[in-house]
Amino acid sequence: MKKTVLKWIVGGVVTAILLLGVLIANQLLERENRIEKISNWPDLEVETLEGEPVSTLEFYSDGPILFTYFNTACEYCRNEITDISKHTQLQRSAEIILISDESRKEIEKFRNDLKIIENTEFIFLRDVKKRVKEFYGIMGVPSTYLYNGDGELVQLFRGETKAELLFSTIRKDN
């Protein structure tokens, strides 16, 4: 009887380990596919703060694009965007696009609170249909992506990232 129970336990443990291995392999494959998918600047529908539909391709430039997906209630997002707003070299070096799936009112309040309403270097967009969030597989904010002038993903950053690191990454890529 004890040998039968032991065999069942060992069998269960082996099955659990195999299942866990398959799940991990699937996650790694999914991550690899996502990286491949986002490796070039995408064509996704978003909205301006005025509610006009626009393609992300309209913001493609021949220089670097720094794109951050953020949430207005996120302290890390607030810190990162404030740091970027104070880094004039970074602002001159890249097109800065900030995207949120929140309401126009919330984004405008956020922009006003950070006192960057006068700053024309920032482009605020709304991900109303959550296409950007889905395309990038965004699970947490801030999520920042740096694309070069050829529209190729240079690096992605998860969590709060200092403006100096973003700027040095741009300089290294050029």
Protein backbone atom coordinates (compact mmCIF):
# COMPACT_ATOMS: atom_id res chain seq x y z
CA MET A 1 0.00 0.00 0.00
CA LYS A 2 2.80 2.44 0.92
CA LYS A 3 4.59 1.74 -2.39
CA THR A 4 1.41 2.51 -4.35
CA VAL A 5 0.91 5.81 -2.52
CA LEU A 6 4.58 6.68 -3.00
CA LYS A 7 4.29 5.91 -6.74
CA TRP A 8 1.25 8.19 -6.98
CA ILE A 9 3.06 10.99 -5.15
CA VAL A 10 6.18 10.64 -7.31
CA GLY A 11 4.01 10.48 -10.43
CA GLY A 12 2.14 13.60 -9.34
CA VAL A 13 5.37 15.49 -8.64
CA VAL A 14 6.86 14.46 -12.01
CA THR A 15 3.64 15.48 -13.78
CA ALA A 16 3.62 18.84 -11.97
CA ILE A 17 7.27 19.46 -12.92
CA LEU A 18 6.59 18.59 -16.56
CA LEU A 19 3.51 20.81 -16.62
CA LEU A 20 5.48 23.66 -15.06
CA GLY A 21 8.20 23.16 -17.69
CA VAL A 22 5.66 23.36 -20.51
CA LEU A 23 4.13 26.53 -19.02
CA ILE A 24 7.55 28.18 -18.70
CA ALA A 25 8.48 27.19 -22.26
CA ASN A 26 5.19 28.64 -23.53
CA GLN A 27 5.79 31.90 -21.68
CA LEU A 28 9.32 32.17 -23.09
CA LEU A 29 8.03 31.52 -26.61
CA GLU A 30 5.25 34.06 -26.15
CA ARG A 31 7.78 36.63 -24.91
CA GLU A 32 10.04 35.95 -27.89
CA ASN A 33 7.09 36.34 -30.28
CA ARG A 34 6.07 39.60 -28.56
CA ILE A 35 9.61 41.00 -28.90
CA GLU A 36 9.59 40.08 -32.60
CA LYS A 37 6.16 41.69 -33.01
CA ILE A 38 7.19 45.00 -31.39
CA SER A 39 10.63 45.12 -33.04
CA ASN A 40 9.42 47.78 -35.52
CA TRP A 41 7.41 50.94 -34.91
CA PRO A 42 3.78 49.81 -35.26
CA ASP A 43 0.73 51.16 -37.03
CA LEU A 44 -1.87 51.34 -34.26
CA GLU A 45 -4.94 53.50 -33.88
CA VAL A 46 -4.92 55.90 -30.93
CA GLU A 47 -6.59 59.24 -30.20
CA THR A 48 -5.26 62.71 -29.61
CA LEU A 49 -6.41 64.43 -26.43
CA GLU A 50 -8.90 66.27 -28.62
CA GLY A 51 -10.50 62.91 -29.48
CA GLU A 52 -9.25 62.70 -33.07
CA PRO A 53 -8.32 59.20 -34.26
CA VAL A 54 -4.72 59.00 -35.41
CA SER A 55 -2.26 56.30 -36.41
CA THR A 56 0.96 55.90 -34.48
CA LEU A 57 2.69 55.98 -37.89
CA GLU A 58 1.91 59.69 -38.05
CA PHE A 59 4.43 60.19 -35.26
CA TYR A 60 7.18 58.21 -36.95
CA SER A 61 10.21 60.37 -37.53
CA ASP A 62 13.68 59.85 -38.88
CA GLY A 63 15.03 60.26 -35.36
CA PRO A 64 14.59 58.29 -32.15
CA ILE A 65 11.13 57.81 -30.69
CA LEU A 66 10.75 57.47 -26.94
CA PHE A 67 7.34 56.08 -26.10
CA THR A 68 6.04 55.58 -22.57
CA TYR A 69 2.79 53.87 -21.63
CA PHE A 70 1.69 55.41 -18.33
CA ASN A 71 -1.08 55.76 -15.79
CA THR A 72 -1.87 59.07 -14.12
CA ALA A 73 -2.17 57.52 -10.64
CA CYS A 74 1.23 55.80 -10.91
CA GLU A 75 3.92 57.48 -8.82
CA TYR A 76 6.67 55.79 -10.86
CA CYS A 77 5.15 57.17 -14.06
CA ARG A 78 4.94 60.62 -12.51
CA ASN A 79 8.62 60.44 -11.47
CA GLU A 80 9.81 59.19 -14.86
CA ILE A 81 7.86 61.77 -16.88
CA THR A 82 8.90 64.59 -14.54
CA ASP A 83 12.53 63.53 -14.94
CA ILE A 84 12.16 63.46 -18.74
CA SER A 85 10.51 66.90 -18.69
CA LYS A 86 13.58 68.32 -16.95
CA HIS A 87 16.10 66.69 -19.31
CA THR A 88 16.30 69.12 -22.24
CA GLN A 89 18.97 67.11 -24.10
CA LEU A 90 16.71 64.07 -24.12
CA GLN A 91 13.80 66.17 -25.36
CA ARG A 92 15.93 67.51 -28.23
CA SER A 93 17.20 64.01 -29.08
CA ALA A 94 13.93 62.11 -29.42
CA GLU A 95 10.26 62.37 -30.24
CA ILE A 96 8.56 61.85 -26.86
CA ILE A 97 5.19 60.12 -26.96
CA LEU A 98 3.17 59.45 -23.81
CA ILE A 99 0.19 57.11 -24.06
CA SER A 100 -2.47 56.21 -21.50
CA ASP A 101 -5.80 54.43 -21.67
CA GLU A 102 -7.36 56.92 -19.29
CA SER A 103 -9.81 59.75 -19.92
CA ARG A 104 -8.85 63.04 -21.50
CA LYS A 105 -9.69 64.81 -18.26
CA GLU A 106 -7.33 62.59 -16.21
CA ILE A 107 -4.48 62.97 -18.69
CA GLU A 108 -4.90 66.75 -18.90
CA LYS A 109 -4.92 67.03 -15.10
CA PHE A 110 -1.76 64.89 -14.98
CA ARG A 111 -0.11 67.08 -17.61
CA ASN A 112 -1.12 70.25 -15.75
CA ASP A 113 0.02 68.88 -12.38
CA LEU A 114 3.45 68.16 -13.85
CA LYS A 115 3.50 71.62 -15.41
CA ILE A 116 4.39 70.31 -18.85
CA ILE A 117 1.38 71.74 -20.66
CA GLU A 118 3.62 74.38 -22.26
CA ASN A 119 6.11 71.75 -23.37
CA THR A 120 5.48 71.08 -27.05
CA GLU A 121 8.10 68.31 -27.08
CA PHE A 122 5.63 65.89 -25.48
CA ILE A 123 2.86 64.22 -27.45
CA PHE A 124 0.05 62.91 -25.26
CA LEU A 125 -2.17 60.23 -26.79
CA ARG A 126 -5.05 58.08 -25.60
CA ASP A 127 -5.27 54.33 -26.08
CA VAL A 128 -9.07 54.33 -26.03
CA LYS A 129 -9.48 50.89 -27.60
CA LYS A 130 -6.49 49.50 -25.67
CA ARG A 131 -4.82 48.42 -28.91
CA VAL A 132 -1.41 49.67 -27.83
CA LYS A 133 -1.73 47.96 -24.46
CA GLU A 134 -2.68 44.67 -26.12
CA PHE A 135 -0.07 44.92 -28.90
CA TYR A 136 2.77 45.48 -26.43
CA GLY A 137 1.38 43.11 -23.80
CA ILE A 138 1.65 45.83 -21.19
CA MET A 139 1.18 44.40 -17.72
CA GLY A 140 2.60 47.27 -15.66
CA VAL A 141 3.50 50.92 -15.95
CA PRO A 142 5.54 52.76 -16.80
CA SER A 143 6.57 50.76 -19.84
CA THR A 144 9.00 52.67 -22.01
CA TYR A 145 10.18 51.75 -25.50
CA LEU A 146 12.98 53.36 -27.46
CA TYR A 147 12.92 53.12 -31.26
CA ASN A 148 15.72 54.39 -33.49
CA GLY A 149 15.36 56.54 -36.62
CA ASP A 150 14.82 53.41 -38.72
CA GLY A 151 11.80 52.47 -36.60
CA GLU A 152 13.59 49.53 -34.96
CA LEU A 153 13.23 48.77 -31.28
CA VAL A 154 16.48 49.61 -29.52
CA GLN A 155 15.45 48.81 -25.97
CA LEU A 156 12.46 48.43 -23.72
CA PHE A 157 12.37 49.48 -20.11
CA ARG A 158 10.00 48.20 -17.44
CA GLY A 159 9.33 50.35 -14.40
CA GLU A 160 10.60 53.82 -13.62
CA THR A 161 13.57 54.71 -15.80
CA LYS A 162 15.79 57.74 -15.31
CA ALA A 163 16.00 60.24 -18.14
CA GLU A 164 19.81 60.08 -18.11
CA LEU A 165 19.72 56.33 -18.83
CA LEU A 166 17.27 56.91 -21.69
CA PHE A 167 19.47 59.68 -23.08
CA SER A 168 22.65 57.61 -22.83
CA THR A 169 20.89 54.71 -24.62
CA ILE A 170 19.96 57.07 -27.45
CA ARG A 171 23.55 58.37 -27.67
CA LYS A 172 24.95 54.80 -27.75
CA ASP A 173 22.59 53.84 -30.57
CA ASN A 174 23.58 56.83 -32.74
